[in-house]
PDB file of N, CA and C in Angstrom:
ATOM      1  N   MET A   1       5.653  28.383 -14.032  1.00  0.00           N
ATOM      2  CA  MET A   1       4.603  28.206 -12.851  1.00  0.00           C
ATOM      3  C   MET A   1       3.981  29.614 -12.566  1.00  0.00           C
ATOM      4  N   ARG A   2       2.732  29.712 -12.269  1.00  0.00           N
ATOM      5  CA  ARG A   2       2.146  30.905 -11.671  1.00  0.00           C
ATOM      6  C   ARG A   2       2.535  31.095 -10.517  1.00  0.00           C
ATOM      7  N   LYS A   3       2.860  32.167  -9.966  1.00  0.00           N
ATOM      8  CA  LYS A   3       2.822  32.668  -8.701  1.00  0.00           C
ATOM      9  C   LYS A   3       1.676  33.161  -7.972  1.00  0.00           C
ATOM     10  N   ARG A   4       1.576  32.728  -6.858  1.00  0.00           N
ATOM     11  CA  ARG A   4       0.071  32.795  -6.187  1.00  0.00           C
ATOM     12  C   ARG A   4       0.547  33.671  -5.000  1.00  0.00           C
ATOM     13  N   SER A   5       0.177  34.888  -5.042  1.00  0.00           N
ATOM     14  CA  SER A   5       0.585  35.979  -3.935  1.00  0.00           C
ATOM     15  C   SER A   5      -0.225  36.610  -3.118  1.00  0.00           C
ATOM     16  N   VAL A   6      -1.807  36.372  -3.452  1.00  0.00           N
ATOM     17  CA  VAL A   6      -2.955  36.865  -2.778  1.00  0.00           C
ATOM     18  C   VAL A   6      -3.659  35.987  -2.126  1.00  0.00           C
ATOM     19  N   GLY A   7      -4.038  35.977  -0.892  1.00  0.00           N
ATOM     20  CA  GLY A   7      -4.817  35.289   0.082  1.00  0.00           C
ATOM     21  C   GLY A   7      -6.372  35.471   0.277  1.00  0.00           C
ATOM     22  N   ILE A   8      -6.897  34.477   0.594  1.00  0.00           N
ATOM     23  CA  ILE A   8      -8.469  34.640   0.756  1.00  0.00           C
ATOM     24  C   ILE A   8      -8.634  33.883   2.201  1.00  0.00           C
ATOM     25  N   ASN A   9      -8.964  34.610   3.227  1.00  0.00           N
ATOM     26  CA  ASN A   9      -9.387  34.252   4.652  1.00  0.00           C
ATOM     27  C   ASN A   9     -10.761  33.579   4.681  1.00  0.00           C
ATOM     28  N   VAL A  10     -10.982  32.734   4.949  1.00  0.00           N
ATOM     29  CA  VAL A  10     -12.106  32.032   5.313  1.00  0.00           C
ATOM     30  C   VAL A  10     -12.513  31.385   6.779  1.00  0.00           C
ATOM     31  N   ARG A  11     -13.492  31.916   7.493  1.00  0.00           N
ATOM     32  CA  ARG A  11     -13.647  31.148   8.850  1.00  0.00           C
ATOM     33  C   ARG A  11     -14.510  30.194   8.778  1.00  0.00           C
ATOM     34  N   VAL A  12     -14.029  29.031   9.353  1.00  0.00           N
ATOM     35  CA  VAL A  12     -14.677  27.528   9.477  1.00  0.00           C
ATOM     36  C   VAL A  12     -14.924  27.129  11.130  1.00  0.00           C
ATOM     37  N   THR A  13     -15.757  26.257  10.974  1.00  0.00           N
ATOM     38  CA  THR A  13     -15.816  25.512  12.408  1.00  0.00           C
ATOM     39  C   THR A  13     -14.725  24.710  12.423  1.00  0.00           C
ATOM     40  N   VAL A  14     -14.366  24.237  13.681  1.00  0.00           N
ATOM     41  CA  VAL A  14     -13.199  23.069  13.649  1.00  0.00           C
ATOM     42  C   VAL A  14     -13.823  21.972  13.013  1.00  0.00           C
ATOM     43  N   THR A  15     -14.998  21.418  13.068  1.00  0.00           N
ATOM     44  CA  THR A  15     -15.428  20.133  12.543  1.00  0.00           C
ATOM     45  C   THR A  15     -15.428  20.507  10.779  1.00  0.00           C
ATOM     46  N   GLU A  16     -15.756  21.673  10.502  1.00  0.00           N
ATOM     47  CA  GLU A  16     -15.876  21.906   9.194  1.00  0.00           C
ATOM     48  C   GLU A  16     -14.235  21.697   8.325  1.00  0.00           C
ATOM     49  N   LYS A  17     -13.346  22.366   9.271  1.00  0.00           N
ATOM     50  CA  LYS A  17     -12.065  22.150   8.882  1.00  0.00           C
ATOM     51  C   LYS A  17     -11.539  20.679   8.792  1.00  0.00           C
ATOM     52  N   LYS A  18     -11.943  20.124   9.721  1.00  0.00           N
ATOM     53  CA  LYS A  18     -11.640  18.611   9.633  1.00  0.00           C
ATOM     54  C   LYS A  18     -12.091  17.887   8.425  1.00  0.00           C
ATOM     55  N   LYS A  19     -13.322  18.086   7.978  1.00  0.00           N
ATOM     56  CA  LYS A  19     -13.976  17.425   7.076  1.00  0.00           C
ATOM     57  C   LYS A  19     -13.276  17.922   5.552  1.00  0.00           C
ATOM     58  N   VAL A  20     -13.024  19.356   5.468  1.00  0.00           N
ATOM     59  CA  VAL A  20     -12.531  19.664   4.406  1.00  0.00           C
ATOM     60  C   VAL A  20     -11.058  19.162   4.059  1.00  0.00           C
ATOM     61  N   THR A  21     -10.258  19.277   5.270  1.00  0.00           N
ATOM     62  CA  THR A  21      -8.885  18.726   5.133  1.00  0.00           C
ATOM     63  C   THR A  21      -9.109  17.145   4.811  1.00  0.00           C
ATOM     64  N   MET A  22      -9.950  16.719   5.328  1.00  0.00           N
ATOM     65  CA  MET A  22      -9.931  15.100   5.114  1.00  0.00           C
ATOM     66  C   MET A  22     -10.566  14.627   3.443  1.00  0.00           C
ATOM     67  N   LEU A  23     -11.439  15.777   3.038  1.00  0.00           N
ATOM     68  CA  LEU A  23     -11.744  15.501   1.499  1.00  0.00           C
ATOM     69  C   LEU A  23     -10.377  15.717   0.738  1.00  0.00           C
ATOM     70  N   ALA A  24      -9.690  16.916   1.087  1.00  0.00           N
ATOM     71  CA  ALA A  24      -8.553  17.300   0.420  1.00  0.00           C
ATOM     72  C   ALA A  24      -7.637  16.086   0.262  1.00  0.00           C
ATOM     73  N   ARG A  25      -7.360  15.491   1.466  1.00  0.00           N
ATOM     74  CA  ARG A  25      -6.360  14.613   1.691  1.00  0.00           C
ATOM     75  C   ARG A  25      -6.923  13.253   0.692  1.00  0.00           C
ATOM     76  N   LYS A  26      -8.463  12.922   0.596  1.00  0.00           N
ATOM     77  CA  LYS A  26      -8.753  11.732   0.128  1.00  0.00           C
ATOM     78  C   LYS A  26      -8.428  12.067  -1.478  1.00  0.00           C
ATOM     79  N   CYS A  27      -8.390  13.096  -1.931  1.00  0.00           N
ATOM     80  CA  CYS A  27      -8.080  13.708  -3.312  1.00  0.00           C
ATOM     81  C   CYS A  27      -6.632  13.670  -3.562  1.00  0.00           C
ATOM     82  N   GLY A  28      -5.944  13.500  -2.696  1.00  0.00           N
ATOM     83  CA  GLY A  28      -4.354  13.636  -2.831  1.00  0.00           C
ATOM     84  C   GLY A  28      -3.883  15.161  -3.008  1.00  0.00           C
ATOM     85  N   LEU A  29      -4.613  16.094  -2.297  1.00  0.00           N
ATOM     86  CA  LEU A  29      -4.510  17.420  -2.733  1.00  0.00           C
ATOM     87  C   LEU A  29      -4.154  18.362  -1.464  1.00  0.00           C
ATOM     88  N   SER A  30      -3.382  19.345  -1.460  1.00  0.00           N
ATOM     89  CA  SER A  30      -3.295  20.081  -0.192  1.00  0.00           C
ATOM     90  C   SER A  30      -4.769  20.809  -0.141  1.00  0.00           C
ATOM     91  N   LEU A  31      -4.765  21.308   1.319  1.00  0.00           N
ATOM     92  CA  LEU A  31      -5.838  21.930   1.341  1.00  0.00           C
ATOM     93  C   LEU A  31      -6.227  23.099   0.696  1.00  0.00           C
ATOM     94  N   SER A  32      -5.360  23.830   0.435  1.00  0.00           N
ATOM     95  CA  SER A  32      -5.402  25.035  -0.549  1.00  0.00           C
ATOM     96  C   SER A  32      -5.732  24.578  -1.941  1.00  0.00           C
ATOM     97  N   GLU A  33      -5.104  23.741  -2.325  1.00  0.00           N
ATOM     98  CA  GLU A  33      -5.370  23.312  -3.791  1.00  0.00           C
ATOM     99  C   GLU A  33      -6.609  22.826  -3.748  1.00  0.00           C
ATOM    100  N   TYR A  34      -7.108  21.885  -2.919  1.00  0.00           N
ATOM    101  CA  TYR A  34      -8.467  21.546  -2.873  1.00  0.00           C
ATOM    102  C   TYR A  34      -9.432  22.625  -2.769  1.00  0.00           C
ATOM    103  N   LEU A  35      -9.351  23.631  -2.087  1.00  0.00           N
ATOM    104  CA  LEU A  35     -10.319  24.574  -1.956  1.00  0.00           C
ATOM    105  C   LEU A  35     -10.162  25.580  -3.148  1.00  0.00           C
ATOM    106  N   ARG A  36      -9.136  25.590  -3.603  1.00  0.00           N
ATOM    107  CA  ARG A  36      -8.916  26.467  -5.017  1.00  0.00           C
ATOM    108  C   ARG A  36      -9.633  25.774  -6.035  1.00  0.00           C
ATOM    109  N   GLN A  37      -9.567  24.303  -6.343  1.00  0.00           N
ATOM    110  CA  GLN A  37     -10.304  23.854  -7.251  1.00  0.00           C
ATOM    111  C   GLN A  37     -12.057  23.834  -6.901  1.00  0.00           C
ATOM    112  N   ARG A  38     -11.942  23.608  -5.886  1.00  0.00           N
ATOM    113  CA  ARG A  38     -13.510  23.726  -5.683  1.00  0.00           C
ATOM    114  C   ARG A  38     -14.027  24.971  -5.705  1.00  0.00           C
ATOM    115  N   ALA A  39     -13.665  26.074  -5.434  1.00  0.00           N
ATOM    116  CA  ALA A  39     -13.795  27.463  -5.526  1.00  0.00           C
ATOM    117  C   ALA A  39     -13.968  27.885  -7.000  1.00  0.00           C
ATOM    118  N   LEU A  40     -13.340  27.122  -7.884  1.00  0.00           N
ATOM    119  CA  LEU A  40     -13.125  27.611  -9.589  1.00  0.00           C
ATOM    120  C   LEU A  40     -13.997  26.510 -10.213  1.00  0.00           C
ATOM    121  N   GLY A  41     -14.831  25.781  -9.401  1.00  0.00           N
ATOM    122  CA  GLY A  41     -15.801  25.129 -10.387  1.00  0.00           C
ATOM    123  C   GLY A  41     -15.429  23.549 -10.415  1.00  0.00           C
ATOM    124  N   TYR A  42     -14.048  23.250 -10.472  1.00  0.00           N
ATOM    125  CA  TYR A  42     -13.645  21.833 -10.594  1.00  0.00           C
ATOM    126  C   TYR A  42     -14.154  20.992  -9.403  1.00  0.00           C
ATOM    127  N   GLU A  43     -14.571  19.686  -9.606  1.00  0.00           N
ATOM    128  CA  GLU A  43     -14.788  18.564  -8.711  1.00  0.00           C
ATOM    129  C   GLU A  43     -13.596  17.608  -8.542  1.00  0.00           C
ATOM    130  N   PRO A  44     -12.388  17.763  -7.755  1.00  0.00           N
ATOM    131  CA  PRO A  44     -11.474  16.868  -7.726  1.00  0.00           C
ATOM    132  C   PRO A  44     -11.852  15.333  -7.370  1.00  0.00           C
ATOM    133  N   SER A  45     -11.637  14.267  -7.896  1.00  0.00           N
ATOM    134  CA  SER A  45     -12.024  13.020  -7.424  1.00  0.00           C
ATOM    135  C   SER A  45     -10.954  12.496  -6.555  1.00  0.00           C
ATOM    136  N   GLY A  46     -11.216  11.407  -5.659  1.00  0.00           N
ATOM    137  CA  GLY A  46     -10.767  10.759  -4.603  1.00  0.00           C
ATOM    138  C   GLY A  46      -9.518   9.797  -5.523  1.00  0.00           C
ATOM    139  N   HIS A  47      -8.610   9.552  -4.779  1.00  0.00           N
ATOM    140  CA  HIS A  47      -7.476   8.499  -5.313  1.00  0.00           C
ATOM    141  C   HIS A  47      -8.079   7.286  -4.828  1.00  0.00           C
ATOM    142  N   PRO A  48      -7.986   6.066  -5.777  1.00  0.00           N
ATOM    143  CA  PRO A  48      -8.223   4.831  -5.315  1.00  0.00           C
ATOM    144  C   PRO A  48      -7.582   4.332  -4.412  1.00  0.00           C
ATOM    145  N   PRO A  49      -7.841   3.306  -3.296  1.00  0.00           N
ATOM    146  CA  PRO A  49      -6.655   2.918  -2.465  1.00  0.00           C
ATOM    147  C   PRO A  49      -5.556   2.266  -3.292  1.00  0.00           C
ATOM    148  N   THR A  50      -4.497   1.946  -2.760  1.00  0.00           N
ATOM    149  CA  THR A  50      -3.457   1.131  -3.566  1.00  0.00           C
ATOM    150  C   THR A  50      -3.948  -0.029  -3.934  1.00  0.00           C
ATOM    151  N   GLU A  51      -4.341  -0.733  -3.074  1.00  0.00           N
ATOM    152  CA  GLU A  51      -4.728  -2.142  -3.256  1.00  0.00           C
ATOM    153  C   GLU A  51      -5.493  -2.280  -4.757  1.00  0.00           C
ATOM    154  N   VAL A  52      -6.180  -1.262  -5.062  1.00  0.00           N
ATOM    155  CA  VAL A  52      -6.922  -1.359  -6.516  1.00  0.00           C
ATOM    156  C   VAL A  52      -5.908  -1.374  -7.624  1.00  0.00           C
ATOM    157  N   PHE A  53      -4.836  -0.571  -7.464  1.00  0.00           N
ATOM    158  CA  PHE A  53      -3.608  -0.655  -8.511  1.00  0.00           C
ATOM    159  C   PHE A  53      -3.123  -1.872  -8.309  1.00  0.00           C
ATOM    160  N   ASP A  54      -2.910  -2.623  -7.148  1.00  0.00           N
ATOM    161  CA  ASP A  54      -2.178  -3.937  -6.995  1.00  0.00           C
ATOM    162  C   ASP A  54      -2.974  -4.757  -7.769  1.00  0.00           C
ATOM    163  N   VAL A  55      -4.308  -4.974  -7.651  1.00  0.00           N
ATOM    164  CA  VAL A  55      -5.061  -5.915  -8.425  1.00  0.00           C
ATOM    165  C   VAL A  55      -4.934  -5.678  -9.919  1.00  0.00           C
ATOM    166  N   LEU A  56      -5.041  -4.365 -10.274  1.00  0.00           N
ATOM    167  CA  LEU A  56      -4.743  -4.341 -11.570  1.00  0.00           C
ATOM    168  C   LEU A  56      -3.557  -4.615 -12.213  1.00  0.00           C
ATOM    169  N   ASP A  57      -2.310  -4.600 -11.547  1.00  0.00           N
ATOM    170  CA  ASP A  57      -1.102  -4.924 -11.682  1.00  0.00           C
ATOM    171  C   ASP A  57      -1.038  -6.546 -11.875  1.00  0.00           C
ATOM    172  N   LYS A  58      -1.823  -6.994 -11.165  1.00  0.00           N
ATOM    173  CA  LYS A  58      -1.708  -8.559 -11.219  1.00  0.00           C
ATOM    174  C   LYS A  58      -2.602  -9.026 -12.217  1.00  0.00           C
ATOM    175  N   LEU A  59      -3.780  -8.099 -12.676  1.00  0.00           N
ATOM    176  CA  LEU A  59      -4.367  -8.600 -13.838  1.00  0.00           C
ATOM    177  C   LEU A  59      -3.393  -8.481 -15.143  1.00  0.00           C
ATOM    178  N   ASP A  60      -2.358  -7.513 -15.151  1.00  0.00           N
ATOM    179  CA  ASP A  60      -1.657  -7.537 -16.281  1.00  0.00           C
ATOM    180  C   ASP A  60      -0.524  -8.538 -16.109  1.00  0.00           C
ATOM    181  N   GLU A  61      -0.050  -8.912 -15.076  1.00  0.00           N
ATOM    182  CA  GLU A  61       0.789 -10.135 -14.896  1.00  0.00           C
ATOM    183  C   GLU A  61       0.083 -11.608 -15.377  1.00  0.00           C
ATOM    184  N   ILE A  62      -1.187 -11.514 -15.139  1.00  0.00           N
ATOM    185  CA  ILE A  62      -2.099 -12.721 -15.403  1.00  0.00           C
ATOM    186  C   ILE A  62      -2.052 -12.670 -17.107  1.00  0.00           C
ATOM    187  N   ALA A  63      -2.330 -11.637 -17.715  1.00  0.00           N
ATOM    188  CA  ALA A  63      -2.444 -11.164 -19.013  1.00  0.00           C
ATOM    189  C   ALA A  63      -1.184 -11.801 -19.923  1.00  0.00           C
ATOM    190  N   GLU A  64      -0.154 -11.500 -19.475  1.00  0.00           N
ATOM    191  CA  GLU A  64       1.026 -11.632 -20.038  1.00  0.00           C
ATOM    192  C   GLU A  64       1.670 -13.155 -19.942  1.00  0.00           C
ATOM    193  N   SER A  65       1.048 -14.039 -18.992  1.00  0.00           N
ATOM    194  CA  SER A  65       1.403 -15.600 -18.557  1.00  0.00           C
ATOM    195  C   SER A  65       0.427 -16.236 -19.506  1.00  0.00           C
ATOM    196  N   CYS A  66      -0.656 -15.830 -20.292  1.00  0.00           N
ATOM    197  CA  CYS A  66      -1.800 -16.284 -21.092  1.00  0.00           C
ATOM    198  C   CYS A  66      -1.470 -16.608 -22.309  1.00  0.00           C
ATOM    199  N   GLN A  67      -2.361 -17.285 -23.280  1.00  0.00           N
ATOM    200  CA  GLN A  67      -2.260 -17.625 -24.508  1.00  0.00           C
ATOM    201  C   GLN A  67      -2.569 -16.045 -24.958  1.00  0.00           C
ATOM    202  N   PRO A  68      -1.730 -15.606 -26.022  1.00  0.00           N
ATOM    203  CA  PRO A  68      -1.937 -14.322 -26.493  1.00  0.00           C
ATOM    204  C   PRO A  68      -3.466 -13.921 -26.786  1.00  0.00           C
ATOM    205  N   SER A  69      -4.302 -14.864 -27.512  1.00  0.00           N
ATOM    206  CA  SER A  69      -5.561 -14.182 -27.810  1.00  0.00           C
ATOM    207  C   SER A  69      -6.400 -13.922 -26.079  1.00  0.00           C
ATOM    208  N   ALA A  70      -6.256 -15.010 -25.491  1.00  0.00           N
ATOM    209  CA  ALA A  70      -6.803 -14.471 -23.740  1.00  0.00           C
ATOM    210  C   ALA A  70      -6.018 -13.352 -23.283  1.00  0.00           C
ATOM    211  N   GLY A  71      -4.774 -13.198 -23.394  1.00  0.00           N
ATOM    212  CA  GLY A  71      -4.063 -12.132 -22.953  1.00  0.00           C
ATOM    213  C   GLY A  71      -4.551 -10.858 -23.463  1.00  0.00           C
ATOM    214  N   VAL A  72      -4.966 -10.685 -24.409  1.00  0.00           N
ATOM    215  CA  VAL A  72      -5.260  -9.555 -25.193  1.00  0.00           C
ATOM    216  C   VAL A  72      -6.640  -9.014 -24.728  1.00  0.00           C
ATOM    217  N   LYS A  73      -7.369  -9.986 -24.384  1.00  0.00           N
ATOM    218  CA  LYS A  73      -8.714  -9.766 -23.620  1.00  0.00           C
ATOM    219  C   LYS A  73      -8.772  -9.353 -22.361  1.00  0.00           C
ATOM    220  N   ILE A  74      -7.797 -10.029 -21.667  1.00  0.00           N
ATOM    221  CA  ILE A  74      -7.573  -9.601 -20.194  1.00  0.00           C
ATOM    222  C   ILE A  74      -7.137  -8.300 -19.953  1.00  0.00           C
ATOM    223  N   THR A  75      -6.153  -7.959 -20.983  1.00  0.00           N
ATOM    224  CA  THR A  75      -5.516  -6.531 -20.890  1.00  0.00           C
ATOM    225  C   THR A  75      -6.460  -5.633 -21.207  1.00  0.00           C
ATOM    226  N   ALA A  76      -7.387  -5.836 -22.356  1.00  0.00           N
ATOM    227  CA  ALA A  76      -8.673  -4.881 -22.665  1.00  0.00           C
ATOM    228  C   ALA A  76      -9.366  -4.874 -21.586  1.00  0.00           C
ATOM    229  N   CYS A  77      -9.752  -5.778 -20.957  1.00  0.00           N
ATOM    230  CA  CYS A  77     -10.470  -5.540 -19.534  1.00  0.00           C
ATOM    231  C   CYS A  77     -10.198  -4.945 -18.501  1.00  0.00           C
ATOM    232  N   ALA A  78      -8.808  -5.220 -18.220  1.00  0.00           N
ATOM    233  CA  ALA A  78      -8.005  -4.549 -17.190  1.00  0.00           C
ATOM    234  C   ALA A  78      -7.951  -3.066 -17.667  1.00  0.00           C
ATOM    235  N   ASP A  79      -7.575  -2.678 -18.854  1.00  0.00           N
ATOM    236  CA  ASP A  79      -7.697  -1.212 -19.052  1.00  0.00           C
ATOM    237  C   ASP A  79      -9.085  -0.587 -19.019  1.00  0.00           C
ATOM    238  N   GLU A  80     -10.135  -1.385 -19.501  1.00  0.00           N
ATOM    239  CA  GLU A  80     -11.273  -0.908 -19.247  1.00  0.00           C
ATOM    240  C   GLU A  80     -11.456  -0.407 -17.658  1.00  0.00           C
ATOM    241  N   ILE A  81     -11.294  -1.503 -16.941  1.00  0.00           N
ATOM    242  CA  ILE A  81     -11.348  -1.216 -15.492  1.00  0.00           C
ATOM    243  C   ILE A  81     -10.841   0.104 -14.591  1.00  0.00           C
ATOM    244  N   ARG A  82      -9.318   0.167 -15.353  1.00  0.00           N
ATOM    245  CA  ARG A  82      -8.401   1.176 -14.835  1.00  0.00           C
ATOM    246  C   ARG A  82      -9.156   2.504 -15.369  1.00  0.00           C
ATOM    247  N   ASP A  83      -9.559   2.760 -16.557  1.00  0.00           N
ATOM    248  CA  ASP A  83     -10.375   3.749 -16.768  1.00  0.00           C
ATOM    249  C   ASP A  83     -11.421   4.053 -16.336  1.00  0.00           C
ATOM    250  N   LEU A  84     -12.367   3.228 -15.687  1.00  0.00           N
ATOM    251  CA  LEU A  84     -13.361   3.552 -14.992  1.00  0.00           C
ATOM    252  C   LEU A  84     -13.138   3.982 -13.481  1.00  0.00           C
ATOM    253  N   ILE A  85     -11.964   3.260 -12.874  1.00  0.00           N
ATOM    254  CA  ILE A  85     -11.541   3.654 -11.442  1.00  0.00           C
ATOM    255  C   ILE A  85     -10.685   5.099 -11.509  1.00  0.00           C
ATOM    256  N   ILE A  86      -9.863   5.222 -12.326  1.00  0.00           N
ATOM    257  CA  ILE A  86      -9.062   6.409 -12.143  1.00  0.00           C
ATOM    258  C   ILE A  86      -9.367   7.362 -13.556  1.00  0.00           C
ATOM    259  N   GLY A  87     -10.479   7.335 -14.064  1.00  0.00           N
ATOM    260  CA  GLY A  87     -10.777   8.531 -15.173  1.00  0.00           C
ATOM    261  C   GLY A  87      -9.715   8.442 -16.513  1.00  0.00           C
ATOM    262  N   GLY A  88      -9.929   7.377 -17.145  1.00  0.00           N
ATOM    263  CA  GLY A  88      -9.128   7.732 -17.996  1.00  0.00           C
ATOM    264  C   GLY A  88      -9.987   8.341 -19.266  1.00  0.00           C
ATOM    265  N   ASN A  89      -9.188   8.399 -20.533  1.00  0.00           N
ATOM    266  CA  ASN A  89      -9.837   9.102 -21.643  1.00  0.00           C
ATOM    267  C   ASN A  89     -11.146   8.313 -22.491  1.00  0.00           C
TER     268      ASN A  89
END
């Protein structure tokens, strides 16, 4: 693991800090990690709400209880949705 030992200080307004902190939280990152990624040209994406994963899990359950051919189709659709939402390969 890299040891980060050098700091960079940036002055912002209270409103700017609140906005950047909210964006970092939305991506599931610490403020430092969010700023580091943005400064290095990365664009972190936000995490979908947990309800999205609940729906995808329910689709998987439905697929398991269906006829094999229908289950395969439902699983494929659920996988495609999952990839679109959370950035699959």
